[in-house]
Amino acid sequence: MFANVSWGSYLTVIGVILVVWYLIVLLKFYKDDLKEFFSSEKRNDPFKKSTSSTSLLQRKTHTGLSSSFSESFDTLDDAEELSARILQAIKESAEKNLFKEQFQNYLRMVIEEYPYVKISSLREDVNHLIVSESEKHPQFSLTFAEADQLWEETIS
């Protein structure tokens, strides 16, 4: 059966299959880029090549800003989650009657899971939460300096 197929027709069929395959891949994964490419070519004049590179730069800047905004929202979500975890840790520590050093180690362990909050401006708010909630339990009372040190020190 395969003896009836010539090499020329075989290579033609393989070539057509490859072209169709790559067109499907292009359309599936690069549909938005292709739409933008073909729509921007229709609008631009051939004499305005520099504006297309400027718009590309502006688009990249805009994308960078939007990604940084999404990262800052992620950090805000992390801070909210960390706040809930801190409240839970304080409650558990009070129920288990932990010593102050054990309590601080527990808080360090929770804080280490959120490295982006450590470098954000929300760190002070988290410190304020730690101090205000720890004051409700005299055996865990922490100062702002002690709360801030929880971010820097390792578990002892």
Protein backbone atom coordinates (compact mmCIF):
# COMPACT_ATOMS: atom_id res chain seq x y z
CA MET A 1 0.00 0.00 0.00
CA PHE A 2 2.78 2.46 0.89
CA ALA A 3 4.61 1.62 -2.32
CA ASN A 4 1.87 3.41 -4.27
CA VAL A 5 2.63 6.76 -2.51
CA SER A 6 5.42 8.77 -4.11
CA TRP A 7 7.88 10.85 -2.11
CA GLY A 8 6.64 14.02 -3.76
CA SER A 9 3.00 13.50 -2.77
CA TYR A 10 4.12 12.41 0.73
CA LEU A 11 6.14 15.60 1.26
CA THR A 12 3.30 17.72 -0.14
CA VAL A 13 0.80 16.24 2.32
CA ILE A 14 3.24 16.62 5.25
CA GLY A 15 3.88 20.24 4.22
CA VAL A 16 0.15 21.02 4.10
CA ILE A 17 -0.39 19.35 7.48
CA LEU A 18 2.46 21.40 9.02
CA VAL A 19 1.11 24.66 7.62
CA VAL A 20 -2.38 23.90 8.95
CA TRP A 21 -0.90 22.91 12.34
CA TYR A 22 1.08 26.13 12.72
CA LEU A 23 -1.91 28.23 11.63
CA ILE A 24 -4.00 26.58 14.34
CA VAL A 25 -1.28 27.23 16.93
CA LEU A 26 -0.94 30.86 15.82
CA LEU A 27 -4.65 31.46 15.95
CA LYS A 28 -5.10 29.73 19.28
CA PHE A 29 -2.24 31.33 21.20
CA TYR A 30 -1.66 34.61 19.37
CA LYS A 31 -5.17 35.62 18.33
CA ASP A 32 -5.14 38.91 20.25
CA ASP A 33 -1.66 39.84 19.04
CA LEU A 34 -2.62 39.10 15.44
CA LYS A 35 -5.79 41.20 15.71
CA GLU A 36 -3.78 44.09 17.11
CA PHE A 37 -1.08 43.71 14.49
CA PHE A 38 -3.46 43.72 11.54
CA SER A 39 -5.69 46.51 12.90
CA SER A 40 -2.71 48.77 13.71
CA GLU A 41 -1.24 48.37 10.21
CA LYS A 42 -4.44 49.61 8.63
CA ARG A 43 -4.49 52.77 10.74
CA ASN A 44 -0.82 53.78 10.50
CA ASP A 45 0.63 55.78 7.66
CA PRO A 46 3.81 54.42 6.11
CA PHE A 47 5.55 57.70 7.01
CA LYS A 48 4.77 57.33 10.71
CA LYS A 49 6.96 54.36 11.60
CA SER A 50 8.25 56.05 14.74
CA THR A 51 4.75 56.41 16.22
CA SER A 52 4.19 52.68 16.08
CA SER A 53 7.30 52.07 18.18
CA THR A 54 6.18 54.83 20.56
CA SER A 55 2.76 53.23 20.92
CA LEU A 56 4.46 49.88 21.55
CA LEU A 57 6.52 51.51 24.30
CA GLN A 58 3.41 53.10 25.79
CA ARG A 59 1.60 49.75 25.66
CA LYS A 60 4.50 48.03 27.44
CA THR A 61 4.56 50.78 30.08
CA HIS A 62 0.82 50.45 30.55
CA THR A 63 1.14 46.68 30.86
CA GLY A 64 3.92 47.13 33.41
CA LEU A 65 1.77 49.51 35.44
CA SER A 66 -1.23 47.23 35.37
CA SER A 67 0.88 44.26 36.44
CA SER A 68 2.35 46.27 39.30
CA PHE A 69 -1.17 47.28 40.33
CA SER A 70 -2.24 43.65 40.35
CA GLU A 71 0.84 42.81 42.43
CA SER A 72 -0.07 45.53 44.92
CA PHE A 73 -3.61 44.14 45.14
CA ASP A 74 -2.10 40.70 45.73
CA THR A 75 -0.02 42.20 48.55
CA LEU A 76 -3.17 43.76 50.01
CA ASP A 77 -4.89 40.38 49.89
CA ASP A 78 -1.84 38.82 51.53
CA ALA A 79 -1.93 41.46 54.28
CA GLU A 80 -5.60 40.77 54.94
CA GLU A 81 -4.93 37.05 55.06
CA LEU A 82 -1.94 37.63 57.36
CA SER A 83 -4.10 39.74 59.68
CA ALA A 84 -6.61 36.94 59.97
CA ARG A 85 -3.84 34.42 60.61
CA ILE A 86 -2.31 36.67 63.30
CA LEU A 87 -5.66 36.99 65.08
CA GLN A 88 -6.04 33.22 64.92
CA ALA A 89 -2.48 32.72 66.23
CA ILE A 90 -3.07 35.04 69.17
CA LYS A 91 -6.32 33.26 70.01
CA GLU A 92 -4.68 29.82 69.80
CA SER A 93 -1.71 30.97 71.87
CA ALA A 94 -4.00 32.29 74.58
CA GLU A 95 -5.99 29.06 74.62
CA LYS A 96 -2.82 26.95 74.89
CA ASN A 97 -1.23 29.27 77.51
CA LEU A 98 2.03 29.57 75.58
CA PHE A 99 5.00 31.46 76.96
CA LYS A 100 5.85 34.82 75.42
CA GLU A 101 8.87 33.39 73.57
CA GLN A 102 6.77 30.56 72.12
CA PHE A 103 4.14 33.10 71.11
CA GLN A 104 6.75 35.24 69.34
CA ASN A 105 8.15 32.20 67.52
CA TYR A 106 4.64 31.27 66.40
CA LEU A 107 4.09 34.79 65.06
CA ARG A 108 7.48 34.70 63.27
CA MET A 109 6.50 31.43 61.64
CA VAL A 110 3.21 32.95 60.42
CA ILE A 111 4.88 36.17 59.24
CA GLU A 112 7.57 34.31 57.26
CA GLU A 113 4.86 32.94 54.97
CA TYR A 114 4.15 36.48 53.68
CA PRO A 115 7.45 37.95 52.42
CA TYR A 116 5.81 40.61 50.22
CA VAL A 117 3.99 42.15 53.16
CA LYS A 118 7.37 42.51 54.87
CA ILE A 119 8.61 44.91 52.16
CA SER A 120 5.30 46.73 51.70
CA SER A 121 3.91 49.79 53.42
CA LEU A 122 1.33 47.54 55.08
CA ARG A 123 3.95 46.21 57.47
CA GLU A 124 3.29 49.03 59.95
CA ASP A 125 -0.44 48.27 59.92
CA VAL A 126 0.27 44.62 60.65
CA ASN A 127 2.64 45.65 63.47
CA HIS A 128 -0.10 47.86 64.90
CA LEU A 129 -2.52 44.92 64.78
CA ILE A 130 -0.01 42.66 66.54
CA VAL A 131 0.57 45.22 69.32
CA SER A 132 -3.10 46.04 69.84
CA GLU A 133 -4.20 42.40 69.88
CA SER A 134 -1.31 41.26 72.09
CA GLU A 135 -2.20 43.92 74.66
CA LYS A 136 -5.50 42.10 75.21
CA HIS A 137 -3.47 39.24 76.68
CA PRO A 138 -0.99 40.50 79.31
CA GLN A 139 1.33 37.48 78.97
CA PHE A 140 1.82 38.30 75.25
CA SER A 141 2.06 42.10 75.44
CA LEU A 142 4.44 43.37 72.72
CA THR A 143 5.80 46.81 71.92
CA PHE A 144 6.05 48.23 68.40
CA ALA A 145 9.79 47.57 68.40
CA GLU A 146 9.26 43.93 69.39
CA ALA A 147 6.57 43.52 66.73
CA ASP A 148 8.89 45.00 64.11
CA GLN A 149 11.70 42.66 65.18
CA LEU A 150 9.45 39.68 64.49
CA TRP A 151 9.92 40.40 60.77
CA GLU A 152 13.72 40.41 60.97
CA GLU A 153 14.63 37.64 63.37
CA THR A 154 14.58 33.95 62.67
CA ILE A 155 12.77 31.43 64.83
CA SER A 156 14.77 30.64 67.95
